[in-house]
Amino acid sequence: MNIVVKSLILALLVSLSYESYADDNNYNFVANSNTDNIFLDKCKIYREILKTNDIELFKTFIDPSLHEHPRLAKGFSTYVKNYEREVGEEAYTLESIVIVNLEDQNFAGVDYIYSFNNGKGHGNSGCTFTRLEGNHWKLRPR
């Protein structure tokens, strides 16, 4: 098998494994506490969705009753634009990713701390999550 075919097969397998992982319980997922490492994974998937402008995977993060909402595409577009503005800053550099230790146990947060403009500017973005019931959670898109 030549190298191109092997590369295509590998790319397909990686893509399929990402799709199944990214689509696995992104809304109403289970976490043991508001500092569970699953929040890092969910935030990483969400930011990848914004990067690739994938509204279908975005839908896996929201209540199924909202999937056909007439303003869903416009709202998603706003999140994508905000993400692009952030990472489009001159000399954007991701400094760290941390789970925020929040006092209110009904909320969880992941901060992406970055610098831009050769370190002259700094910012913070990431993801916020809300407890639904028990140990079940959802993303609060921002």
Foldseek 3Di string as FASTA:
>chain_A
DDPVVVVVVVVVVVVVVLVCVLLPQLAFDFDPFLQGCVQVVSQVSVLVCLVVVPLVSVCSQDDVVCNVPPCSSVVSVVLSVVSCVQCVAAAKDFDDWHKDDDPPRQKTWIWGWIAHPVRPGIDIDIWMWGHDPDRTIGTDRD
